[in-house]
Amino acid sequence: GGSLRLSCAADVSAFRFYVMGWFRQTPGKQREWVAWITGGDS
């Protein structure tokens, strides 16, 4: 029921062109897509 805020800092010269995403993985399971966001905030 609680909350956390994760942050990702990118060392990149053209960050706005990258589609950024979050994935998650537990032992023995495939890495799972969680969310993505485009440079235009879609």
All heavy atoms as atom14 arrays in JSON, in Angstrom:
{
  "sequence": "GGSLRLSCAADVSAFRFYVMGWFRQTPGKQREWVAWITGGDS",
  "atom14_mask": [
    [1, 1, 1, 1, 0, 0, 0, 0, 0, 0, 0, 0, 0, 0],
    [1, 1, 1, 1, 0, 0, 0, 0, 0, 0, 0, 0, 0, 0],
    [1, 1, 1, 1, 1, 1, 0, 0, 0, 0, 0, 0, 0, 0],
    [1, 1, 1, 1, 1, 1, 1, 1, 0, 0, 0, 0, 0, 0],
    [1, 1, 1, 1, 1, 1, 1, 1, 1, 1, 1, 0, 0, 0],
    [1, 1, 1, 1, 1, 1, 1, 1, 0, 0, 0, 0, 0, 0],
    [1, 1, 1, 1, 1, 1, 0, 0, 0, 0, 0, 0, 0, 0],
    [1, 1, 1, 1, 1, 1, 0, 0, 0, 0, 0, 0, 0, 0],
    [1, 1, 1, 1, 1, 0, 0, 0, 0, 0, 0, 0, 0, 0],
    [1, 1, 1, 1, 1, 0, 0, 0, 0, 0, 0, 0, 0, 0],
    [1, 1, 1, 1, 1, 1, 1, 1, 0, 0, 0, 0, 0, 0],
    [1, 1, 1, 1, 1, 1, 1, 0, 0, 0, 0, 0, 0, 0],
    [1, 1, 1, 1, 1, 1, 0, 0, 0, 0, 0, 0, 0, 0],
    [1, 1, 1, 1, 1, 0, 0, 0, 0, 0, 0, 0, 0, 0],
    [1, 1, 1, 1, 1, 1, 1, 1, 1, 1, 1, 0, 0, 0],
    [1, 1, 1, 1, 1, 1, 1, 1, 1, 1, 1, 0, 0, 0],
    [1, 1, 1, 1, 1, 1, 1, 1, 1, 1, 1, 0, 0, 0],
    [1, 1, 1, 1, 1, 1, 1, 1, 1, 1, 1, 1, 0, 0],
    [1, 1, 1, 1, 1, 1, 1, 0, 0, 0, 0, 0, 0, 0],
    [1, 1, 1, 1, 1, 1, 1, 1, 0, 0, 0, 0, 0, 0],
    [1, 1, 1, 1, 0, 0, 0, 0, 0, 0, 0, 0, 0, 0],
    [1, 1, 1, 1, 1, 1, 1, 1, 1, 1, 1, 1, 1, 1],
    [1, 1, 1, 1, 1, 1, 1, 1, 1, 1, 1, 0, 0, 0],
    [1, 1, 1, 1, 1, 1, 1, 1, 1, 1, 1, 0, 0, 0],
    [1, 1, 1, 1, 1, 1, 1, 1, 1, 0, 0, 0, 0, 0],
    [1, 1, 1, 1, 1, 1, 1, 0, 0, 0, 0, 0, 0, 0],
    [1, 1, 1, 1, 1, 1, 1, 0, 0, 0, 0, 0, 0, 0],
    [1, 1, 1, 1, 0, 0, 0, 0, 0, 0, 0, 0, 0, 0],
    [1, 1, 1, 1, 1, 1, 1, 1, 1, 0, 0, 0, 0, 0],
    [1, 1, 1, 1, 1, 1, 1, 1, 1, 0, 0, 0, 0, 0],
    [1, 1, 1, 1, 1, 1, 1, 1, 1, 1, 1, 0, 0, 0],
    [1, 1, 1, 1, 1, 1, 1, 1, 1, 0, 0, 0, 0, 0],
    [1, 1, 1, 1, 1, 1, 1, 1, 1, 1, 1, 1, 1, 1],
    [1, 1, 1, 1, 1, 1, 1, 0, 0, 0, 0, 0, 0, 0],
    [1, 1, 1, 1, 1, 0, 0, 0, 0, 0, 0, 0, 0, 0],
    [1, 1, 1, 1, 1, 1, 1, 1, 1, 1, 1, 1, 1, 1],
    [1, 1, 1, 1, 1, 1, 1, 1, 0, 0, 0, 0, 0, 0],
    [1, 1, 1, 1, 1, 1, 1, 0, 0, 0, 0, 0, 0, 0],
    [1, 1, 1, 1, 0, 0, 0, 0, 0, 0, 0, 0, 0, 0],
    [1, 1, 1, 1, 0, 0, 0, 0, 0, 0, 0, 0, 0, 0],
    [1, 1, 1, 1, 1, 1, 1, 1, 0, 0, 0, 0, 0, 0],
    [1, 1, 1, 1, 1, 1, 0, 0, 0, 0, 0, 0, 0, 0]
  ],
  "atom14_positions": [
    [[0.79, -1.22, 0.0], [0.0, 0.0, 0.0], [0.82, 1.26, 0.0], [0.27, 2.36, -0.19], [0.0, 0.0, 0.0], [0.0, 0.0, 0.0], [0.0, 0.0, 0.0], [0.0, 0.0, 0.0], [0.0, 0.0, 0.0], [0.0, 0.0, 0.0], [0.0, 0.0, 0.0], [0.0, 0.0, 0.0], [0.0, 0.0, 0.0], [0.0, 0.0, 0.0]],
    [[2.11, 1.14, 0.19], [2.98, 2.28, 0.23], [3.41, 2.75, -1.14], [2.97, 2.24, -2.16], [0.0, 0.0, 0.0], [0.0, 0.0, 0.0], [0.0, 0.0, 0.0], [0.0, 0.0, 0.0], [0.0, 0.0, 0.0], [0.0, 0.0, 0.0], [0.0, 0.0, 0.0], [0.0, 0.0, 0.0], [0.0, 0.0, 0.0], [0.0, 0.0, 0.0]],
    [[4.31, 3.74, -1.15], [4.76, 4.36, -2.39], [6.27, 4.48, -2.42], [6.93, 4.58, -1.38], [4.15, 5.76, -2.53], [2.74, 5.72, -2.61], [0.0, 0.0, 0.0], [0.0, 0.0, 0.0], [0.0, 0.0, 0.0], [0.0, 0.0, 0.0], [0.0, 0.0, 0.0], [0.0, 0.0, 0.0], [0.0, 0.0, 0.0], [0.0, 0.0, 0.0]],
    [[6.8, 4.47, -3.62], [8.2, 4.75, -3.88], [8.29, 5.54, -5.17], [7.44, 5.41, -6.05], [9.03, 3.47, -4.03], [9.41, 2.69, -2.78], [10.11, 1.39, -3.2], [10.32, 3.5, -1.88], [0.0, 0.0, 0.0], [0.0, 0.0, 0.0], [0.0, 0.0, 0.0], [0.0, 0.0, 0.0], [0.0, 0.0, 0.0], [0.0, 0.0, 0.0]],
    [[9.34, 6.34, -5.28], [9.61, 7.06, -6.52], [11.01, 6.7, -6.99], [11.99, 6.97, -6.29], [9.5, 8.57, -6.31], [9.57, 9.37, -7.62], [9.38, 10.86, -7.37], [9.33, 11.62, -8.61], [8.22, 11.91, -9.27], [7.03, 11.5, -8.8], [8.27, 12.61, -10.4], [0.0, 0.0, 0.0], [0.0, 0.0, 0.0], [0.0, 0.0, 0.0]],
    [[11.09, 6.08, -8.15], [12.35, 5.74, -8.75], [12.79, 6.83, -9.71], [11.96, 7.49, -10.34], [12.26, 4.42, -9.53], [11.71, 3.21, -8.77], [11.74, 1.98, -9.68], [12.5, 2.96, -7.5], [0.0, 0.0, 0.0], [0.0, 0.0, 0.0], [0.0, 0.0, 0.0], [0.0, 0.0, 0.0], [0.0, 0.0, 0.0], [0.0, 0.0, 0.0]],
    [[14.09, 7.0, -9.83], [14.62, 7.99, -10.75], [15.75, 7.38, -11.55], [16.5, 6.53, -11.06], [15.12, 9.22, -9.99], [15.53, 10.24, -10.88], [0.0, 0.0, 0.0], [0.0, 0.0, 0.0], [0.0, 0.0, 0.0], [0.0, 0.0, 0.0], [0.0, 0.0, 0.0], [0.0, 0.0, 0.0], [0.0, 0.0, 0.0], [0.0, 0.0, 0.0]],
    [[15.87, 7.79, -12.79], [16.93, 7.34, -13.68], [17.6, 8.56, -14.28], [16.93, 9.38, -14.94], [16.35, 6.45, -14.78], [17.51, 5.99, -16.08], [0.0, 0.0, 0.0], [0.0, 0.0, 0.0], [0.0, 0.0, 0.0], [0.0, 0.0, 0.0], [0.0, 0.0, 0.0], [0.0, 0.0, 0.0], [0.0, 0.0, 0.0], [0.0, 0.0, 0.0]],
    [[18.89, 8.69, -14.07], [19.67, 9.78, -14.64], [20.42, 9.27, -15.86], [21.1, 8.24, -15.79], [20.64, 10.34, -13.61], [0.0, 0.0, 0.0], [0.0, 0.0, 0.0], [0.0, 0.0, 0.0], [0.0, 0.0, 0.0], [0.0, 0.0, 0.0], [0.0, 0.0, 0.0], [0.0, 0.0, 0.0], [0.0, 0.0, 0.0], [0.0, 0.0, 0.0]],
    [[20.29, 9.97, -16.97], [20.87, 9.54, -18.24], [22.03, 10.42, -18.65], [21.88, 11.64, -18.76], [19.82, 9.53, -19.34], [0.0, 0.0, 0.0], [0.0, 0.0, 0.0], [0.0, 0.0, 0.0], [0.0, 0.0, 0.0], [0.0, 0.0, 0.0], [0.0, 0.0, 0.0], [0.0, 0.0, 0.0], [0.0, 0.0, 0.0], [0.0, 0.0, 0.0]],
    [[23.17, 9.81, -18.89], [24.33, 10.5, -19.43], [24.26, 10.35, -20.94], [24.78, 9.39, -21.5], [25.62, 9.92, -18.86], [26.86, 10.6, -19.41], [26.75, 11.67, -20.02], [27.97, 10.05, -19.19], [0.0, 0.0, 0.0], [0.0, 0.0, 0.0], [0.0, 0.0, 0.0], [0.0, 0.0, 0.0], [0.0, 0.0, 0.0], [0.0, 0.0, 0.0]],
    [[23.61, 11.3, -21.6], [23.38, 11.22, -23.03], [23.32, 12.63, -23.6], [22.84, 13.56, -22.95], [22.07, 10.44, -23.34], [20.88, 11.12, -22.68], [21.84, 10.3, -24.84], [0.0, 0.0, 0.0], [0.0, 0.0, 0.0], [0.0, 0.0, 0.0], [0.0, 0.0, 0.0], [0.0, 0.0, 0.0], [0.0, 0.0, 0.0], [0.0, 0.0, 0.0]],
    [[23.77, 12.78, -24.85], [23.85, 14.11, -25.44], [22.54, 14.59, -26.04], [22.36, 15.79, -26.22], [24.94, 14.13, -26.52], [24.65, 13.23, -27.56], [0.0, 0.0, 0.0], [0.0, 0.0, 0.0], [0.0, 0.0, 0.0], [0.0, 0.0, 0.0], [0.0, 0.0, 0.0], [0.0, 0.0, 0.0], [0.0, 0.0, 0.0], [0.0, 0.0, 0.0]],
    [[21.64, 13.67, -26.37], [20.37, 14.04, -27.0], [19.22, 13.3, -26.33], [18.49, 12.54, -26.97], [20.41, 13.76, -28.49], [0.0, 0.0, 0.0], [0.0, 0.0, 0.0], [0.0, 0.0, 0.0], [0.0, 0.0, 0.0], [0.0, 0.0, 0.0], [0.0, 0.0, 0.0], [0.0, 0.0, 0.0], [0.0, 0.0, 0.0], [0.0, 0.0, 0.0]],
    [[19.06, 13.55, -25.06], [18.08, 12.82, -24.25], [16.67, 12.9, -24.82], [15.94, 11.91, -24.79], [18.11, 13.35, -22.82], [17.14, 12.68, -21.9], [17.41, 11.43, -21.38], [15.96, 13.32, -21.54], [16.52, 10.81, -20.52], [15.06, 12.71, -20.68], [15.35, 11.45, -20.17], [0.0, 0.0, 0.0], [0.0, 0.0, 0.0], [0.0, 0.0, 0.0]],
    [[16.28, 14.03, -25.36], [14.9, 14.22, -25.8], [14.51, 13.31, -26.94], [13.32, 13.11, -27.18], [14.66, 15.68, -26.18], [15.37, 16.14, -27.44], [15.14, 17.63, -27.65], [15.75, 18.11, -28.88], [15.14, 18.17, -30.05], [13.86, 17.78, -30.15], [15.76, 18.63, -31.11], [0.0, 0.0, 0.0], [0.0, 0.0, 0.0], [0.0, 0.0, 0.0]],
    [[15.47, 12.74, -27.66], [15.18, 11.84, -28.76], [14.97, 10.4, -28.32], [14.51, 9.57, -29.11], [16.3, 11.88, -29.8], [16.39, 13.18, -30.54], [17.53, 13.95, -30.48], [15.33, 13.63, -31.3], [17.62, 15.15, -31.17], [15.4, 14.82, -31.99], [16.54, 15.59, -31.92], [0.0, 0.0, 0.0], [0.0, 0.0, 0.0], [0.0, 0.0, 0.0]],
    [[15.3, 10.08, -27.08], [15.21, 8.71, -26.6], [13.83, 8.41, -26.04], [13.24, 9.21, -25.32], [16.25, 8.46, -25.51], [17.65, 8.27, -26.02], [18.43, 9.36, -26.38], [18.18, 6.99, -26.15], [19.71, 9.18, -26.86], [19.47, 6.81, -26.62], [20.23, 7.91, -26.98], [21.51, 7.73, -27.44], [0.0, 0.0, 0.0], [0.0, 0.0, 0.0]],
    [[13.32, 7.23, -26.4], [12.18, 6.68, -25.7], [12.72, 6.02, -24.43], [13.61, 5.16, -24.5], [11.41, 5.65, -26.55], [10.3, 5.01, -25.72], [10.84, 6.33, -27.78], [0.0, 0.0, 0.0], [0.0, 0.0, 0.0], [0.0, 0.0, 0.0], [0.0, 0.0, 0.0], [0.0, 0.0, 0.0], [0.0, 0.0, 0.0], [0.0, 0.0, 0.0]],
    [[12.21, 6.44, -23.3], [12.67, 5.94, -22.02], [11.64, 5.0, -21.43], [10.44, 5.21, -21.55], [12.94, 7.09, -21.05], [13.94, 8.11, -21.56], [15.58, 7.4, -21.84], [16.0, 6.89, -20.16], [0.0, 0.0, 0.0], [0.0, 0.0, 0.0], [0.0, 0.0, 0.0], [0.0, 0.0, 0.0], [0.0, 0.0, 0.0], [0.0, 0.0, 0.0]],
    [[12.12, 3.96, -20.78], [11.2, 3.0, -20.2], [11.7, 2.43, -18.9], [12.87, 2.56, -18.53], [0.0, 0.0, 0.0], [0.0, 0.0, 0.0], [0.0, 0.0, 0.0], [0.0, 0.0, 0.0], [0.0, 0.0, 0.0], [0.0, 0.0, 0.0], [0.0, 0.0, 0.0], [0.0, 0.0, 0.0], [0.0, 0.0, 0.0], [0.0, 0.0, 0.0]],
    [[10.77, 1.8, -18.2], [11.08, 1.04, -17.0], [10.66, -0.4, -17.2], [9.57, -0.68, -17.7], [10.36, 1.61, -15.77], [10.93, 2.9, -15.28], [10.5, 4.15, -15.58], [12.04, 3.05, -14.4], [11.27, 5.09, -14.94], [12.23, 4.44, -14.21], [12.91, 2.17, -13.75], [13.24, 4.96, -13.39], [13.91, 2.67, -12.95], [14.07, 4.05, -12.78]],
    [[11.54, -1.31, -16.8], [11.29, -2.74, -16.82], [11.57, -3.28, -15.44], [12.24, -2.63, -14.63], [12.2, -3.45, -17.85], [11.86, -3.16, -19.28], [12.06, -1.9, -19.83], [11.35, -4.17, -20.1], [11.76, -1.64, -21.15], [11.05, -3.92, -21.43], [11.25, -2.65, -21.95], [0.0, 0.0, 0.0], [0.0, 0.0, 0.0], [0.0, 0.0, 0.0]],
    [[11.09, -4.48, -15.17], [11.37, -5.1, -13.88], [11.58, -6.59, -14.07], [11.07, -7.21, -15.01], [10.25, -4.83, -12.87], [8.9, -5.41, -13.24], [7.83, -4.89, -12.29], [6.52, -5.47, -12.56], [5.41, -5.1, -11.95], [5.43, -4.15, -11.02], [4.26, -5.69, -12.27], [0.0, 0.0, 0.0], [0.0, 0.0, 0.0], [0.0, 0.0, 0.0]],
    [[12.32, -7.18, -13.13], [12.67, -8.58, -13.24], [12.83, -9.2, -11.86], [13.44, -8.61, -10.97], [13.97, -8.75, -14.02], [14.33, -10.19, -14.36], [15.48, -10.27, -15.34], [16.34, -9.39, -15.38], [15.49, -11.32, -16.14], [0.0, 0.0, 0.0], [0.0, 0.0, 0.0], [0.0, 0.0, 0.0], [0.0, 0.0, 0.0], [0.0, 0.0, 0.0]],
    [[12.26, -10.4, -11.69], [12.44, -11.18, -10.48], [13.22, -12.44, -10.84], [13.23, -12.87, -12.01], [11.09, -11.57, -9.85], [10.3, -12.29, -10.81], [10.32, -10.32, -9.42], [0.0, 0.0, 0.0], [0.0, 0.0, 0.0], [0.0, 0.0, 0.0], [0.0, 0.0, 0.0], [0.0, 0.0, 0.0], [0.0, 0.0, 0.0], [0.0, 0.0, 0.0]],
    [[13.88, -13.08, -9.87], [14.67, -14.27, -10.17], [13.86, -15.35, -10.85], [12.74, -15.67, -10.44], [15.16, -14.73, -8.79], [15.21, -13.47, -7.99], [14.02, -12.67, -8.46], [0.0, 0.0, 0.0], [0.0, 0.0, 0.0], [0.0, 0.0, 0.0], [0.0, 0.0, 0.0], [0.0, 0.0, 0.0], [0.0, 0.0, 0.0], [0.0, 0.0, 0.0]],
    [[14.4, -15.91, -11.93], [13.74, -16.98, -12.65], [12.67, -16.54, -13.62], [12.02, -17.4, -14.23], [0.0, 0.0, 0.0], [0.0, 0.0, 0.0], [0.0, 0.0, 0.0], [0.0, 0.0, 0.0], [0.0, 0.0, 0.0], [0.0, 0.0, 0.0], [0.0, 0.0, 0.0], [0.0, 0.0, 0.0], [0.0, 0.0, 0.0], [0.0, 0.0, 0.0]],
    [[12.46, -15.25, -13.77], [11.43, -14.75, -14.67], [12.03, -13.85, -15.74], [13.11, -13.29, -15.56], [10.36, -13.97, -13.9], [9.57, -14.8, -12.91], [8.53, -13.97, -12.18], [7.46, -13.46, -13.12], [6.4, -12.69, -12.41], [0.0, 0.0, 0.0], [0.0, 0.0, 0.0], [0.0, 0.0, 0.0], [0.0, 0.0, 0.0], [0.0, 0.0, 0.0]],
    [[11.31, -13.71, -16.84], [11.72, -12.81, -17.91], [11.59, -11.37, -17.45], [10.73, -11.05, -16.62], [10.85, -13.03, -19.15], [11.05, -14.36, -19.84], [12.31, -14.4, -20.65], [12.75, -13.38, -21.2], [12.92, -15.57, -20.76], [0.0, 0.0, 0.0], [0.0, 0.0, 0.0], [0.0, 0.0, 0.0], [0.0, 0.0, 0.0], [0.0, 0.0, 0.0]],
    [[12.42, -10.53, -17.99], [12.3, -9.12, -17.71], [10.99, -8.61, -18.3], [10.67, -8.86, -19.46], [13.49, -8.35, -18.28], [13.55, -6.9, -17.84], [14.9, -6.27, -18.18], [15.98, -6.88, -17.44], [17.24, -6.48, -17.51], [17.57, -5.47, -18.29], [18.17, -7.11, -16.81], [0.0, 0.0, 0.0], [0.0, 0.0, 0.0], [0.0, 0.0, 0.0]],
    [[10.22, -7.89, -17.51], [8.89, -7.44, -17.86], [8.86, -5.94, -18.1], [9.36, -5.16, -17.29], [7.91, -7.8, -16.73], [6.5, -7.27, -16.91], [5.65, -7.41, -15.66], [6.23, -7.47, -14.55], [4.42, -7.48, -15.79], [0.0, 0.0, 0.0], [0.0, 0.0, 0.0], [0.0, 0.0, 0.0], [0.0, 0.0, 0.0], [0.0, 0.0, 0.0]],
    [[8.25, -5.55, -19.21], [8.07, -4.14, -19.47], [7.03, -3.56, -18.51], [6.0, -4.17, -18.25], [7.6, -3.93, -20.92], [7.1, -2.55, -21.19], [7.83, -1.4, -21.26], [5.74, -2.17, -21.43], [7.02, -0.32, -21.53], [5.73, -0.77, -21.64], [4.54, -2.87, -21.5], [4.56, -0.06, -21.9], [3.38, -2.17, -21.76], [3.39, -0.78, -21.95]],
    [[7.3, -2.38, -17.99], [6.4, -1.71, -17.06], [5.77, -0.48, -17.69], [4.55, -0.31, -17.67], [7.13, -1.33, -15.76], [6.22, -0.53, -14.84], [7.64, -2.58, -15.05], [0.0, 0.0, 0.0], [0.0, 0.0, 0.0], [0.0, 0.0, 0.0], [0.0, 0.0, 0.0], [0.0, 0.0, 0.0], [0.0, 0.0, 0.0], [0.0, 0.0, 0.0]],
    [[6.59, 0.4, -18.23], [6.09, 1.66, -18.78], [7.12, 2.26, -19.72], [8.31, 1.98, -19.61], [5.77, 2.65, -17.66], [0.0, 0.0, 0.0], [0.0, 0.0, 0.0], [0.0, 0.0, 0.0], [0.0, 0.0, 0.0], [0.0, 0.0, 0.0], [0.0, 0.0, 0.0], [0.0, 0.0, 0.0], [0.0, 0.0, 0.0], [0.0, 0.0, 0.0]],
    [[6.66, 3.1, -20.65], [7.56, 3.88, -21.47], [7.01, 5.29, -21.65], [5.81, 5.53, -21.47], [7.88, 3.23, -22.82], [6.74, 2.88, -23.75], [6.3, 1.63, -24.04], [5.96, 3.78, -24.55], [5.28, 1.68, -24.96], [5.04, 2.99, -25.3], [5.93, 5.16, -24.73], [4.12, 3.55, -26.19], [5.0, 5.71, -25.61], [4.12, 4.91, -26.33]],
    [[7.9, 6.18, -22.03], [7.54, 7.57, -22.28], [8.4, 8.11, -23.41], [9.61, 7.89, -23.45], [7.69, 8.41, -20.99], [7.22, 9.85, -21.23], [9.12, 8.39, -20.46], [7.06, 10.65, -19.94], [0.0, 0.0, 0.0], [0.0, 0.0, 0.0], [0.0, 0.0, 0.0], [0.0, 0.0, 0.0], [0.0, 0.0, 0.0], [0.0, 0.0, 0.0]],
    [[7.77, 8.81, -24.34], [8.49, 9.41, -25.45], [9.01, 10.78, -25.07], [8.68, 11.33, -24.02], [7.59, 9.55, -26.69], [6.61, 10.57, -26.44], [6.89, 8.24, -27.02], [0.0, 0.0, 0.0], [0.0, 0.0, 0.0], [0.0, 0.0, 0.0], [0.0, 0.0, 0.0], [0.0, 0.0, 0.0], [0.0, 0.0, 0.0], [0.0, 0.0, 0.0]],
    [[9.82, 11.35, -25.95], [10.32, 12.7, -25.71], [9.24, 13.74, -25.66], [9.43, 14.8, -25.06], [0.0, 0.0, 0.0], [0.0, 0.0, 0.0], [0.0, 0.0, 0.0], [0.0, 0.0, 0.0], [0.0, 0.0, 0.0], [0.0, 0.0, 0.0], [0.0, 0.0, 0.0], [0.0, 0.0, 0.0], [0.0, 0.0, 0.0], [0.0, 0.0, 0.0]],
    [[8.09, 13.46, -26.28], [6.95, 14.34, -26.25], [5.95, 14.02, -25.16], [4.84, 14.54, -25.18], [0.0, 0.0, 0.0], [0.0, 0.0, 0.0], [0.0, 0.0, 0.0], [0.0, 0.0, 0.0], [0.0, 0.0, 0.0], [0.0, 0.0, 0.0], [0.0, 0.0, 0.0], [0.0, 0.0, 0.0], [0.0, 0.0, 0.0], [0.0, 0.0, 0.0]],
    [[6.33, 13.16, -24.23], [5.55, 12.83, -23.03], [4.35, 11.93, -23.29], [3.45, 11.85, -22.46], [5.1, 14.08, -22.29], [6.24, 14.82, -21.62], [7.27, 14.19, -21.33], [6.1, 16.04, -21.4], [0.0, 0.0, 0.0], [0.0, 0.0, 0.0], [0.0, 0.0, 0.0], [0.0, 0.0, 0.0], [0.0, 0.0, 0.0], [0.0, 0.0, 0.0]],
    [[4.32, 11.23, -24.43], [3.34, 10.17, -24.6], [3.75, 8.99, -23.74], [4.94, 8.65, -23.68], [3.24, 9.73, -26.06], [2.75, 10.78, -26.87], [0.0, 0.0, 0.0], [0.0, 0.0, 0.0], [0.0, 0.0, 0.0], [0.0, 0.0, 0.0], [0.0, 0.0, 0.0], [0.0, 0.0, 0.0], [0.0, 0.0, 0.0], [0.0, 0.0, 0.0]]
  ]
}
